Amino acid sequence: MLVVGVGGLGCPAALELSRAGCDLTLIDPDRVELGNLHRQVLHHDADVGRAKVQSAAEKLRAAFPSVRVDALEARLDETNALELFRRHDAVLDGTDGVDVKFLLSDTALATGVPLVWGGVLRMEGQAMRIRTGGPCLRCLFESPPTAAPTCAEAGVLGTVAGVVGALQARVLLSPEEAPGTATLHVFDAVKLTSRRVLVRRAADCSTCARAENRVSMPA
């Protein structure tokens, strides 16, 4: 499994996947900051200044010695996304930027490697599986929002990130939904409620259509 981002979402997700016995690759270019610690459960005070992937990999290897954990201190972007996806069975989104989330969604369809998208902001979080056949993020939003704040800018309750990251891991390991559909999981920490919303592929989504055409073309 490839975990992209080892912060508020990626830490609890990596912990859950390790408990399930999954070998992991962690990719993140950032270093641990003091202000991160309330929501990033694998990093401690002594890790401030260390690479997030090294800090997280160290904890996971110690707790789960039978699980292989590779640490890649790098940024996933247009230059390496296809290669990284194709080297793994599935991908989990632990990022905090709108543009990279759409890149992950598009790459999942382009490669046929399933992705579990996740997002948290303030007191709410969401998670959804993305795979060939749709729906994808463009079915939900069409294009990246131009003024969407990150959780670092708008804030997030640390426990919300923990709940949603763990939920992402469970979605990744759960049976797939019917073709052309996905379940959007929504967690509201204010109301202490969770709900599931059935999402269908948008009929006019060109990204999903191109991905299906690639799959159906003869080798």
N, C-alpha and C. Protein backbone atom coordinates (compact mmCIF):
# COMPACT_ATOMS: atom_id res chain seq x y z
N MET A 1 0.83 -1.18 0.00
CA MET A 1 0.00 0.00 0.00
C MET A 1 0.89 1.26 0.00
N LEU A 2 0.48 2.24 -0.76
CA LEU A 2 1.18 3.52 -0.80
C LEU A 2 0.38 4.53 0.00
N VAL A 3 0.98 5.12 1.03
CA VAL A 3 0.34 6.16 1.83
C VAL A 3 0.99 7.48 1.46
N VAL A 4 0.20 8.37 0.88
CA VAL A 4 0.72 9.65 0.39
C VAL A 4 0.42 10.72 1.44
N GLY A 5 1.45 11.12 2.17
CA GLY A 5 1.28 12.07 3.25
C GLY A 5 1.22 11.36 4.59
N VAL A 6 2.12 11.71 5.50
CA VAL A 6 2.18 11.05 6.80
C VAL A 6 1.89 12.09 7.89
N GLY A 7 0.69 12.67 7.77
CA GLY A 7 0.26 13.67 8.73
C GLY A 7 -1.00 13.22 9.45
N GLY A 8 -1.98 14.13 9.56
CA GLY A 8 -3.17 13.85 10.33
C GLY A 8 -3.97 12.66 9.84
N LEU A 9 -4.04 12.48 8.52
CA LEU A 9 -4.74 11.32 7.95
C LEU A 9 -3.81 10.13 7.77
N GLY A 10 -2.63 10.38 7.25
CA GLY A 10 -1.73 9.28 6.93
C GLY A 10 -1.24 8.50 8.14
N CYS A 11 -1.04 9.18 9.27
CA CYS A 11 -0.55 8.48 10.47
C CYS A 11 -1.55 7.43 10.96
N PRO A 12 -2.82 7.79 11.25
CA PRO A 12 -3.74 6.75 11.71
C PRO A 12 -4.05 5.71 10.65
N ALA A 13 -4.05 6.12 9.39
CA ALA A 13 -4.28 5.16 8.31
C ALA A 13 -3.16 4.14 8.24
N ALA A 14 -1.91 4.61 8.30
CA ALA A 14 -0.76 3.70 8.26
C ALA A 14 -0.77 2.75 9.45
N LEU A 15 -1.20 3.26 10.60
CA LEU A 15 -1.28 2.42 11.80
C LEU A 15 -2.30 1.30 11.60
N GLU A 16 -3.47 1.64 11.06
CA GLU A 16 -4.51 0.63 10.82
C GLU A 16 -4.07 -0.38 9.76
N LEU A 17 -3.43 0.08 8.70
CA LEU A 17 -2.98 -0.84 7.64
C LEU A 17 -1.88 -1.77 8.16
N SER A 18 -1.01 -1.25 9.00
CA SER A 18 0.04 -2.09 9.59
C SER A 18 -0.56 -3.16 10.48
N ARG A 19 -1.57 -2.79 11.26
CA ARG A 19 -2.26 -3.77 12.10
C ARG A 19 -2.87 -4.88 11.27
N ALA A 20 -3.28 -4.55 10.05
CA ALA A 20 -3.87 -5.54 9.16
C ALA A 20 -2.82 -6.36 8.42
N GLY A 21 -1.53 -6.04 8.63
CA GLY A 21 -0.45 -6.82 8.01
C GLY A 21 -0.04 -6.35 6.64
N CYS A 22 -0.40 -5.13 6.26
CA CYS A 22 -0.07 -4.62 4.92
C CYS A 22 1.34 -4.02 4.90
N ASP A 23 2.13 -4.37 3.90
CA ASP A 23 3.40 -3.69 3.68
C ASP A 23 3.13 -2.29 3.13
N LEU A 24 3.93 -1.32 3.54
CA LEU A 24 3.64 0.07 3.23
C LEU A 24 4.83 0.77 2.59
N THR A 25 4.51 1.74 1.74
CA THR A 25 5.45 2.78 1.34
C THR A 25 4.86 4.10 1.80
N LEU A 26 5.64 4.85 2.56
CA LEU A 26 5.22 6.17 3.04
C LEU A 26 5.95 7.22 2.21
N ILE A 27 5.21 8.18 1.65
CA ILE A 27 5.86 9.26 0.90
C ILE A 27 5.38 10.60 1.43
N ASP A 28 6.32 11.48 1.74
CA ASP A 28 6.01 12.81 2.26
C ASP A 28 7.31 13.61 2.24
N PRO A 29 7.31 14.86 1.77
CA PRO A 29 8.55 15.64 1.74
C PRO A 29 8.78 16.46 3.00
N ASP A 30 7.82 16.48 3.92
CA ASP A 30 7.84 17.44 5.02
C ASP A 30 8.50 16.89 6.28
N ARG A 31 8.73 17.80 7.21
CA ARG A 31 9.32 17.46 8.50
C ARG A 31 8.33 17.74 9.63
N VAL A 32 8.50 17.04 10.71
CA VAL A 32 7.59 17.17 11.85
C VAL A 32 7.72 18.56 12.46
N GLU A 33 6.58 19.19 12.71
CA GLU A 33 6.55 20.50 13.37
C GLU A 33 5.76 20.39 14.66
N LEU A 34 6.09 21.24 15.61
CA LEU A 34 5.43 21.20 16.91
C LEU A 34 3.92 21.37 16.78
N GLY A 35 3.49 22.24 15.87
CA GLY A 35 2.07 22.48 15.69
C GLY A 35 1.31 21.33 15.07
N ASN A 36 2.03 20.32 14.58
CA ASN A 36 1.39 19.14 13.96
C ASN A 36 0.98 18.09 14.99
N LEU A 37 1.60 18.11 16.14
CA LEU A 37 1.56 16.95 17.02
C LEU A 37 0.18 16.61 17.54
N HIS A 38 -0.71 17.58 17.62
CA HIS A 38 -2.04 17.30 18.16
C HIS A 38 -2.87 16.40 17.25
N ARG A 39 -2.47 16.30 15.97
CA ARG A 39 -3.26 15.51 15.03
C ARG A 39 -2.45 14.43 14.31
N GLN A 40 -1.18 14.27 14.63
CA GLN A 40 -0.33 13.32 13.91
C GLN A 40 0.22 12.31 14.91
N VAL A 41 -0.51 11.20 15.05
CA VAL A 41 -0.33 10.32 16.21
C VAL A 41 0.98 9.54 16.21
N LEU A 42 1.68 9.46 15.11
CA LEU A 42 2.93 8.71 15.07
C LEU A 42 4.15 9.59 15.40
N HIS A 43 3.95 10.89 15.55
CA HIS A 43 5.06 11.80 15.81
C HIS A 43 4.98 12.33 17.24
N HIS A 44 6.16 12.44 17.89
CA HIS A 44 6.23 12.89 19.27
C HIS A 44 7.12 14.13 19.38
N ASP A 45 7.21 14.69 20.57
CA ASP A 45 8.02 15.91 20.76
C ASP A 45 9.45 15.72 20.26
N ALA A 46 10.02 14.57 20.53
CA ALA A 46 11.42 14.33 20.16
C ALA A 46 11.61 14.24 18.65
N ASP A 47 10.52 14.11 17.89
CA ASP A 47 10.62 13.98 16.44
C ASP A 47 10.58 15.31 15.71
N VAL A 48 10.34 16.40 16.42
CA VAL A 48 10.27 17.71 15.77
C VAL A 48 11.56 17.98 15.00
N GLY A 49 11.41 18.31 13.72
CA GLY A 49 12.55 18.54 12.85
C GLY A 49 12.96 17.34 12.02
N ARG A 50 12.49 16.16 12.39
CA ARG A 50 12.81 14.95 11.61
C ARG A 50 11.89 14.84 10.40
N ALA A 51 12.32 14.09 9.39
CA ALA A 51 11.46 13.79 8.26
C ALA A 51 10.26 12.99 8.75
N LYS A 52 9.08 13.36 8.32
CA LYS A 52 7.88 12.66 8.77
C LYS A 52 7.92 11.18 8.41
N VAL A 53 8.41 10.86 7.22
CA VAL A 53 8.42 9.45 6.80
C VAL A 53 9.35 8.62 7.68
N GLN A 54 10.47 9.20 8.08
CA GLN A 54 11.41 8.47 8.93
C GLN A 54 10.84 8.28 10.33
N SER A 55 10.23 9.31 10.86
CA SER A 55 9.61 9.22 12.18
C SER A 55 8.51 8.18 12.21
N ALA A 56 7.62 8.22 11.21
CA ALA A 56 6.50 7.28 11.17
C ALA A 56 6.98 5.86 10.92
N ALA A 57 7.91 5.68 9.98
CA ALA A 57 8.41 4.34 9.67
C ALA A 57 9.07 3.70 10.88
N GLU A 58 9.80 4.48 11.63
CA GLU A 58 10.47 3.96 12.82
C GLU A 58 9.46 3.41 13.83
N LYS A 59 8.37 4.14 14.06
CA LYS A 59 7.35 3.69 15.02
C LYS A 59 6.65 2.43 14.52
N LEU A 60 6.32 2.41 13.23
CA LEU A 60 5.59 1.27 12.68
C LEU A 60 6.45 0.01 12.65
N ARG A 61 7.72 0.14 12.30
CA ARG A 61 8.61 -1.03 12.29
C ARG A 61 8.77 -1.61 13.69
N ALA A 62 8.84 -0.74 14.69
CA ALA A 62 9.00 -1.21 16.06
C ALA A 62 7.75 -1.93 16.55
N ALA A 63 6.58 -1.42 16.17
CA ALA A 63 5.32 -2.00 16.64
C ALA A 63 4.91 -3.23 15.84
N PHE A 64 5.30 -3.27 14.56
CA PHE A 64 4.88 -4.36 13.67
C PHE A 64 6.09 -4.89 12.90
N PRO A 65 6.97 -5.65 13.55
CA PRO A 65 8.22 -6.06 12.91
C PRO A 65 8.05 -6.95 11.69
N SER A 66 6.89 -7.58 11.53
CA SER A 66 6.68 -8.43 10.36
C SER A 66 6.23 -7.65 9.13
N VAL A 67 5.94 -6.35 9.30
CA VAL A 67 5.47 -5.52 8.20
C VAL A 67 6.65 -4.73 7.61
N ARG A 68 6.77 -4.73 6.29
CA ARG A 68 7.81 -3.94 5.63
C ARG A 68 7.31 -2.51 5.45
N VAL A 69 8.09 -1.56 5.90
CA VAL A 69 7.73 -0.15 5.77
C VAL A 69 8.88 0.57 5.08
N ASP A 70 8.63 1.07 3.88
CA ASP A 70 9.62 1.85 3.14
C ASP A 70 9.29 3.33 3.28
N ALA A 71 10.31 4.14 3.49
CA ALA A 71 10.14 5.57 3.69
C ALA A 71 10.74 6.32 2.49
N LEU A 72 9.93 7.16 1.87
CA LEU A 72 10.36 7.92 0.70
C LEU A 72 10.16 9.40 0.99
N GLU A 73 11.25 10.09 1.28
CA GLU A 73 11.17 11.53 1.59
C GLU A 73 11.15 12.30 0.28
N ALA A 74 9.96 12.45 -0.27
CA ALA A 74 9.79 13.09 -1.57
C ALA A 74 8.36 13.55 -1.70
N ARG A 75 8.10 14.35 -2.73
CA ARG A 75 6.76 14.84 -3.01
C ARG A 75 6.17 14.06 -4.18
N LEU A 76 4.97 13.56 -4.05
CA LEU A 76 4.29 12.95 -5.19
C LEU A 76 3.76 14.06 -6.07
N ASP A 77 4.12 14.04 -7.35
CA ASP A 77 3.66 15.06 -8.28
C ASP A 77 3.51 14.44 -9.66
N GLU A 78 3.33 15.28 -10.67
CA GLU A 78 3.08 14.78 -12.03
C GLU A 78 4.25 13.97 -12.58
N THR A 79 5.45 14.17 -12.04
CA THR A 79 6.62 13.48 -12.60
C THR A 79 6.77 12.04 -12.11
N ASN A 80 6.17 11.71 -10.96
CA ASN A 80 6.38 10.37 -10.41
C ASN A 80 5.09 9.65 -10.03
N ALA A 81 3.94 10.30 -10.21
CA ALA A 81 2.68 9.71 -9.74
C ALA A 81 2.37 8.39 -10.43
N LEU A 82 2.50 8.34 -11.75
CA LEU A 82 2.17 7.11 -12.48
C LEU A 82 3.05 5.94 -12.03
N GLU A 83 4.35 6.19 -11.92
CA GLU A 83 5.27 5.12 -11.51
C GLU A 83 4.95 4.63 -10.10
N LEU A 84 4.70 5.55 -9.19
CA LEU A 84 4.42 5.16 -7.80
C LEU A 84 3.13 4.36 -7.70
N PHE A 85 2.09 4.78 -8.38
CA PHE A 85 0.84 4.03 -8.35
C PHE A 85 1.05 2.62 -8.88
N ARG A 86 1.75 2.49 -9.99
CA ARG A 86 1.90 1.18 -10.64
C ARG A 86 2.74 0.21 -9.82
N ARG A 87 3.50 0.72 -8.86
CA ARG A 87 4.32 -0.15 -8.00
C ARG A 87 3.55 -0.65 -6.79
N HIS A 88 2.28 -0.28 -6.65
CA HIS A 88 1.52 -0.63 -5.46
C HIS A 88 0.15 -1.19 -5.81
N ASP A 89 -0.43 -1.89 -4.85
CA ASP A 89 -1.76 -2.49 -5.05
C ASP A 89 -2.88 -1.49 -4.79
N ALA A 90 -2.64 -0.52 -3.95
CA ALA A 90 -3.65 0.48 -3.62
C ALA A 90 -2.95 1.69 -3.02
N VAL A 91 -3.68 2.82 -3.01
CA VAL A 91 -3.10 4.09 -2.56
C VAL A 91 -4.07 4.75 -1.59
N LEU A 92 -3.53 5.39 -0.57
CA LEU A 92 -4.34 6.12 0.39
C LEU A 92 -3.90 7.57 0.41
N ASP A 93 -4.86 8.46 0.29
CA ASP A 93 -4.61 9.90 0.23
C ASP A 93 -4.58 10.50 1.62
N GLY A 94 -3.38 10.93 2.05
CA GLY A 94 -3.25 11.63 3.32
C GLY A 94 -2.75 13.04 3.11
N THR A 95 -3.06 13.63 1.96
CA THR A 95 -2.53 14.95 1.60
C THR A 95 -3.45 16.06 2.09
N ASP A 96 -2.95 17.29 1.98
CA ASP A 96 -3.68 18.46 2.48
C ASP A 96 -3.75 19.56 1.43
N GLY A 97 -3.75 19.19 0.17
CA GLY A 97 -3.84 20.19 -0.90
C GLY A 97 -4.81 19.73 -1.96
N VAL A 98 -5.64 20.65 -2.43
CA VAL A 98 -6.69 20.30 -3.39
C VAL A 98 -6.10 19.78 -4.70
N ASP A 99 -5.08 20.46 -5.22
CA ASP A 99 -4.53 20.07 -6.51
C ASP A 99 -3.97 18.66 -6.49
N VAL A 100 -3.25 18.31 -5.42
CA VAL A 100 -2.67 16.96 -5.36
C VAL A 100 -3.76 15.91 -5.19
N LYS A 101 -4.85 16.24 -4.54
CA LYS A 101 -5.95 15.28 -4.40
C LYS A 101 -6.56 14.97 -5.77
N PHE A 102 -6.70 15.97 -6.61
CA PHE A 102 -7.21 15.72 -7.96
C PHE A 102 -6.20 14.94 -8.78
N LEU A 103 -4.91 15.22 -8.60
CA LEU A 103 -3.88 14.44 -9.28
C LEU A 103 -3.96 12.97 -8.87
N LEU A 104 -4.16 12.70 -7.58
CA LEU A 104 -4.28 11.32 -7.11
C LEU A 104 -5.51 10.65 -7.73
N SER A 105 -6.62 11.36 -7.77
CA SER A 105 -7.85 10.80 -8.34
C SER A 105 -7.65 10.47 -9.82
N ASP A 106 -7.07 11.40 -10.56
CA ASP A 106 -6.85 11.18 -12.00
C ASP A 106 -5.88 10.02 -12.23
N THR A 107 -4.85 9.91 -11.39
CA THR A 107 -3.85 8.85 -11.57
C THR A 107 -4.44 7.49 -11.22
N ALA A 108 -5.33 7.45 -10.25
CA ALA A 108 -5.99 6.18 -9.92
C ALA A 108 -6.76 5.65 -11.13
N LEU A 109 -7.45 6.54 -11.82
CA LEU A 109 -8.20 6.10 -13.00
C LEU A 109 -7.26 5.75 -14.16
N ALA A 110 -6.18 6.51 -14.30
CA ALA A 110 -5.25 6.27 -15.40
C ALA A 110 -4.52 4.94 -15.26
N THR A 111 -4.27 4.51 -14.03
CA THR A 111 -3.49 3.30 -13.79
C THR A 111 -4.34 2.08 -13.43
N GLY A 112 -5.58 2.31 -13.01
CA GLY A 112 -6.41 1.20 -12.53
C GLY A 112 -6.10 0.79 -11.11
N VAL A 113 -5.26 1.56 -10.42
CA VAL A 113 -4.91 1.26 -9.03
C VAL A 113 -5.88 2.02 -8.11
N PRO A 114 -6.62 1.33 -7.26
CA PRO A 114 -7.63 2.01 -6.44
C PRO A 114 -7.00 2.97 -5.42
N LEU A 115 -7.76 4.02 -5.15
CA LEU A 115 -7.36 5.06 -4.21
C LEU A 115 -8.48 5.28 -3.21
N VAL A 116 -8.13 5.53 -1.96
CA VAL A 116 -9.13 6.02 -1.01
C VAL A 116 -8.79 7.48 -0.72
N TRP A 117 -9.66 8.36 -1.20
CA TRP A 117 -9.52 9.79 -0.97
C TRP A 117 -10.04 10.14 0.41
N GLY A 118 -9.41 11.12 1.03
CA GLY A 118 -9.90 11.59 2.33
C GLY A 118 -9.63 13.06 2.49
N GLY A 119 -10.45 13.70 3.30
CA GLY A 119 -10.25 15.11 3.59
C GLY A 119 -10.84 15.47 4.95
N VAL A 120 -10.19 16.37 5.65
CA VAL A 120 -10.69 16.86 6.93
C VAL A 120 -10.56 18.38 6.96
N LEU A 121 -11.50 19.03 7.62
CA LEU A 121 -11.45 20.47 7.78
C LEU A 121 -12.28 20.82 9.00
N ARG A 122 -11.63 21.51 9.93
CA ARG A 122 -12.30 21.93 11.17
C ARG A 122 -12.89 20.73 11.90
N MET A 123 -14.20 20.55 11.86
CA MET A 123 -14.87 19.52 12.65
C MET A 123 -15.53 18.45 11.79
N GLU A 124 -15.13 18.34 10.53
CA GLU A 124 -15.78 17.38 9.63
C GLU A 124 -14.74 16.69 8.75
N GLY A 125 -15.02 15.46 8.37
CA GLY A 125 -14.14 14.73 7.47
C GLY A 125 -14.93 13.84 6.53
N GLN A 126 -14.30 13.49 5.41
CA GLN A 126 -14.94 12.66 4.39
C GLN A 126 -13.93 11.65 3.85
N ALA A 127 -14.44 10.54 3.35
CA ALA A 127 -13.60 9.52 2.73
C ALA A 127 -14.40 8.80 1.65
N MET A 128 -13.72 8.39 0.56
CA MET A 128 -14.41 7.69 -0.52
C MET A 128 -13.39 6.91 -1.36
N ARG A 129 -13.78 5.72 -1.80
CA ARG A 129 -12.94 4.93 -2.70
C ARG A 129 -13.09 5.45 -4.13
N ILE A 130 -11.97 5.52 -4.84
CA ILE A 130 -11.96 5.93 -6.25
C ILE A 130 -11.28 4.83 -7.05
N ARG A 131 -11.93 4.38 -8.12
CA ARG A 131 -11.39 3.28 -8.93
C ARG A 131 -11.92 3.39 -10.34
N THR A 132 -11.35 2.60 -11.24
CA THR A 132 -11.79 2.60 -12.63
C THR A 132 -13.28 2.29 -12.70
N GLY A 133 -13.99 3.05 -13.50
CA GLY A 133 -15.44 2.89 -13.59
C GLY A 133 -16.17 3.99 -12.85
N GLY A 134 -15.43 4.70 -11.99
CA GLY A 134 -15.96 5.85 -11.29
C GLY A 134 -16.83 5.47 -10.11
N PRO A 135 -17.28 6.49 -9.39
CA PRO A 135 -17.05 7.92 -9.59
C PRO A 135 -15.68 8.37 -9.10
N CYS A 136 -15.24 9.53 -9.59
CA CYS A 136 -13.97 10.10 -9.18
C CYS A 136 -14.22 11.48 -8.56
N LEU A 137 -13.17 12.18 -8.20
CA LEU A 137 -13.35 13.50 -7.59
C LEU A 137 -13.99 14.48 -8.56
N ARG A 138 -13.74 14.29 -9.85
CA ARG A 138 -14.34 15.20 -10.82
C ARG A 138 -15.83 14.95 -10.99
N CYS A 139 -16.29 13.76 -10.64
CA CYS A 139 -17.73 13.51 -10.61
C CYS A 139 -18.38 14.31 -9.48
N LEU A 140 -17.65 14.49 -8.39
CA LEU A 140 -18.17 15.24 -7.24
C LEU A 140 -18.04 16.75 -7.42
N PHE A 141 -16.85 17.19 -7.87
CA PHE A 141 -16.55 18.62 -7.85
C PHE A 141 -16.26 19.22 -9.22
N GLU A 142 -16.13 18.42 -10.27
CA GLU A 142 -15.82 18.83 -11.64
C GLU A 142 -14.38 19.34 -11.78
N SER A 143 -13.99 20.33 -10.98
CA SER A 143 -12.63 20.85 -11.05
C SER A 143 -12.20 21.30 -9.66
N PRO A 144 -10.90 21.41 -9.43
CA PRO A 144 -10.44 21.81 -8.10
C PRO A 144 -10.99 23.17 -7.70
N PRO A 145 -11.52 23.31 -6.48
CA PRO A 145 -11.96 24.62 -6.01
C PRO A 145 -10.79 25.60 -6.01
N THR A 146 -11.07 26.86 -6.36
CA THR A 146 -9.99 27.84 -6.51
C THR A 146 -9.59 28.48 -5.18
N ALA A 147 -10.45 28.40 -4.17
CA ALA A 147 -10.15 29.08 -2.90
C ALA A 147 -10.38 28.17 -1.71
N ALA A 148 -10.12 26.89 -1.86
CA ALA A 148 -10.36 25.96 -0.76
C ALA A 148 -9.21 26.02 0.23
N PRO A 149 -9.48 26.26 1.53
CA PRO A 149 -8.40 26.31 2.52
C PRO A 149 -7.93 24.91 2.87
N THR A 150 -6.69 24.78 3.26
CA THR A 150 -6.17 23.52 3.77
C THR A 150 -6.48 23.45 5.26
N CYS A 151 -6.32 22.25 5.83
CA CYS A 151 -6.57 22.13 7.28
C CYS A 151 -5.51 22.89 8.07
N ALA A 152 -4.31 23.04 7.50
CA ALA A 152 -3.28 23.82 8.17
C ALA A 152 -3.68 25.29 8.26
N GLU A 153 -4.43 25.77 7.26
CA GLU A 153 -4.87 27.16 7.25
C GLU A 153 -6.13 27.38 8.08
N ALA A 154 -7.09 26.46 7.94
CA ALA A 154 -8.40 26.64 8.59
C ALA A 154 -8.50 25.95 9.93
N GLY A 155 -7.58 25.03 10.21
CA GLY A 155 -7.61 24.30 11.47
C GLY A 155 -8.42 23.02 11.36
N VAL A 156 -8.10 22.08 12.24
CA VAL A 156 -8.84 20.81 12.29
C VAL A 156 -8.69 20.24 13.70
N LEU A 157 -9.76 19.68 14.20
CA LEU A 157 -9.70 18.98 15.47
C LEU A 157 -8.91 17.69 15.28
N GLY A 158 -7.89 17.48 16.11
CA GLY A 158 -7.00 16.34 15.90
C GLY A 158 -7.71 15.01 15.86
N THR A 159 -8.73 14.83 16.71
CA THR A 159 -9.43 13.55 16.73
C THR A 159 -10.24 13.30 15.46
N VAL A 160 -10.66 14.37 14.77
CA VAL A 160 -11.38 14.20 13.50
C VAL A 160 -10.44 13.57 12.48
N ALA A 161 -9.21 14.08 12.41
CA ALA A 161 -8.23 13.49 11.49
C ALA A 161 -7.97 12.03 11.84
N GLY A 162 -7.91 11.71 13.13
CA GLY A 162 -7.69 10.33 13.54
C GLY A 162 -8.82 9.41 13.11
N VAL A 163 -10.05 9.86 13.32
CA VAL A 163 -11.21 9.05 12.93
C VAL A 163 -11.24 8.83 11.42
N VAL A 164 -11.04 9.89 10.65
CA VAL A 164 -11.15 9.77 9.20
C VAL A 164 -9.99 8.97 8.61
N GLY A 165 -8.78 9.16 9.12
CA GLY A 165 -7.65 8.37 8.63
C GLY A 165 -7.84 6.88 8.87
N ALA A 166 -8.32 6.52 10.07
CA ALA A 166 -8.60 5.11 10.35
C ALA A 166 -9.73 4.59 9.47
N LEU A 167 -10.72 5.44 9.22
CA LEU A 167 -11.83 5.05 8.34
C LEU A 167 -11.34 4.80 6.92
N GLN A 168 -10.43 5.64 6.44
CA GLN A 168 -9.87 5.43 5.10
C GLN A 168 -9.24 4.05 4.97
N ALA A 169 -8.47 3.66 5.98
CA ALA A 169 -7.83 2.34 5.93
C ALA A 169 -8.86 1.24 5.86
N ARG A 170 -9.94 1.38 6.60
CA ARG A 170 -10.97 0.34 6.60
C ARG A 170 -11.71 0.31 5.26
N VAL A 171 -11.93 1.48 4.67
CA VAL A 171 -12.54 1.52 3.34
C VAL A 171 -11.64 0.83 2.33
N LEU A 172 -10.34 1.09 2.41
CA LEU A 172 -9.38 0.50 1.48
C LEU A 172 -9.40 -1.02 1.54
N LEU A 173 -9.61 -1.57 2.74
CA LEU A 173 -9.59 -3.02 2.93
C LEU A 173 -10.96 -3.67 2.80
N SER A 174 -12.00 -2.89 2.59
CA SER A 174 -13.36 -3.42 2.53
C SER A 174 -13.73 -3.81 1.10
N PRO A 175 -14.77 -4.62 0.90
CA PRO A 175 -15.19 -5.00 -0.45
C PRO A 175 -15.59 -3.78 -1.28
N GLU A 176 -15.37 -3.88 -2.58
CA GLU A 176 -15.72 -2.77 -3.46
C GLU A 176 -17.23 -2.66 -3.63
N GLU A 177 -17.67 -1.45 -3.95
CA GLU A 177 -19.08 -1.21 -4.23
C GLU A 177 -19.43 -1.66 -5.65
N ALA A 178 -20.69 -1.56 -6.00
CA ALA A 178 -21.15 -1.93 -7.34
C ALA A 178 -20.48 -1.01 -8.37
N PRO A 179 -20.26 -1.50 -9.60
CA PRO A 179 -19.62 -0.68 -10.63
C PRO A 179 -20.35 0.65 -10.82
N GLY A 180 -19.56 1.70 -10.98
CA GLY A 180 -20.13 3.01 -11.22
C GLY A 180 -20.65 3.72 -9.99
N THR A 181 -20.43 3.13 -8.80
CA THR A 181 -20.88 3.75 -7.56
C THR A 181 -19.76 3.73 -6.53
N ALA A 182 -19.92 4.58 -5.54
CA ALA A 182 -19.00 4.60 -4.40
C ALA A 182 -19.78 5.12 -3.19
N THR A 183 -19.26 4.81 -2.02
CA THR A 183 -19.87 5.29 -0.79
C THR A 183 -19.04 6.44 -0.23
N LEU A 184 -19.65 7.60 -0.11
CA LEU A 184 -19.00 8.75 0.51
C LEU A 184 -19.30 8.70 2.00
N HIS A 185 -18.27 8.53 2.81
CA HIS A 185 -18.41 8.49 4.26
C HIS A 185 -18.20 9.90 4.81
N VAL A 186 -19.14 10.38 5.59
CA VAL A 186 -19.07 11.74 6.14
C VAL A 186 -19.14 11.67 7.66
N PHE A 187 -18.15 12.27 8.32
CA PHE A 187 -18.11 12.28 9.78
C PHE A 187 -18.23 13.72 10.27
N ASP A 188 -19.17 13.96 11.17
CA ASP A 188 -19.42 15.29 11.73
C ASP A 188 -19.14 15.24 13.23
N ALA A 189 -18.06 15.88 13.66
CA ALA A 189 -17.67 15.82 15.06
C ALA A 189 -18.51 16.75 15.94
N VAL A 190 -19.18 17.74 15.35
CA VAL A 190 -20.04 18.63 16.13
C VAL A 190 -21.28 17.87 16.59
N LYS A 191 -21.89 17.15 15.64
CA LYS A 191 -23.11 16.39 15.95
C LYS A 191 -22.80 14.98 16.43
N LEU A 192 -21.52 14.58 16.35
CA LEU A 192 -21.11 13.21 16.67
C LEU A 192 -21.93 12.21 15.86
N THR A 193 -21.98 12.45 14.54
CA THR A 193 -22.73 11.57 13.65
C THR A 193 -21.84 11.17 12.47
N SER A 194 -22.17 10.04 11.89
CA SER A 194 -21.55 9.63 10.64
C SER A 194 -22.65 9.15 9.70
N ARG A 195 -22.45 9.38 8.43
CA ARG A 195 -23.46 8.94 7.47
C ARG A 195 -22.77 8.48 6.19
N ARG A 196 -23.50 7.72 5.41
CA ARG A 196 -22.99 7.21 4.15
C ARG A 196 -23.88 7.72 3.02
N VAL A 197 -23.25 8.24 1.98
CA VAL A 197 -23.97 8.80 0.85
C VAL A 197 -23.57 8.03 -0.40
N LEU A 198 -24.54 7.48 -1.12
CA LEU A 198 -24.25 6.76 -2.36
C LEU A 198 -23.95 7.78 -3.45
N VAL A 199 -22.77 7.65 -4.05
CA VAL A 199 -22.35 8.55 -5.13
C VAL A 199 -22.28 7.74 -6.42
N ARG A 200 -22.85 8.28 -7.46
CA ARG A 200 -22.82 7.62 -8.77
C ARG A 200 -21.90 8.39 -9.72
N ARG A 201 -21.31 7.65 -10.62
CA ARG A 201 -20.47 8.28 -11.63
C ARG A 201 -21.28 9.28 -12.44
N ALA A 202 -20.70 10.46 -12.67
CA ALA A 202 -21.37 11.46 -13.49
C ALA A 202 -21.36 11.02 -14.95
N ALA A 203 -22.51 11.11 -15.58
CA ALA A 203 -22.63 10.62 -16.96
C ALA A 203 -21.72 11.36 -17.92
N ASP A 204 -21.40 12.61 -17.61
CA ASP A 204 -20.58 13.42 -18.52
C ASP A 204 -19.14 13.56 -18.03
N CYS A 205 -18.67 12.68 -17.13
CA CYS A 205 -17.30 12.78 -16.63
C CYS A 205 -16.33 12.21 -17.67
N SER A 206 -15.57 13.08 -18.31
CA SER A 206 -14.65 12.65 -19.36
C SER A 206 -13.47 11.86 -18.79
N THR A 207 -13.07 12.15 -17.54
CA THR A 207 -11.95 11.44 -16.93
C THR A 207 -12.31 9.97 -16.71
N CYS A 208 -13.50 9.70 -16.19
CA CYS A 208 -13.94 8.32 -16.00
C CYS A 208 -14.10 7.61 -17.34
N ALA A 209 -14.62 8.33 -18.35
CA ALA A 209 -14.83 7.73 -19.67
C ALA A 209 -13.50 7.33 -20.30
N ARG A 210 -12.50 8.19 -20.21
CA ARG A 210 -11.19 7.87 -20.78
C ARG A 210 -10.59 6.65 -20.09
N ALA A 211 -10.74 6.57 -18.78
CA ALA A 211 -10.18 5.43 -18.03
C ALA A 211 -10.86 4.13 -18.46
N GLU A 212 -12.19 4.16 -18.61
CA GLU A 212 -12.90 2.95 -19.03
C GLU A 212 -12.51 2.54 -20.43
N ASN A 213 -12.30 3.51 -21.31
CA ASN A 213 -11.89 3.19 -22.68
C ASN A 213 -10.53 2.52 -22.70
N ARG A 214 -9.62 2.97 -21.83
CA ARG A 214 -8.29 2.35 -21.78
C ARG A 214 -8.40 0.90 -21.33
N VAL A 215 -9.27 0.63 -20.36
CA VAL A 215 -9.43 -0.72 -19.86
C VAL A 215 -10.03 -1.63 -20.92
N SER A 216 -10.98 -1.11 -21.71
CA SER A 216 -11.69 -1.94 -22.68
C SER A 216 -10.92 -2.15 -23.97
N MET A 217 -9.88 -1.35 -24.24
CA MET A 217 -9.10 -1.51 -25.46
C MET A 217 -8.30 -2.80 -25.43
N PRO A 218 -8.22 -3.55 -26.54
CA PRO A 218 -7.43 -4.78 -26.56
C PRO A 218 -5.96 -4.49 -26.42
N ALA A 219 -5.25 -5.42 -25.77
CA ALA A 219 -3.80 -5.24 -25.57
C ALA A 219 -3.07 -5.35 -26.89
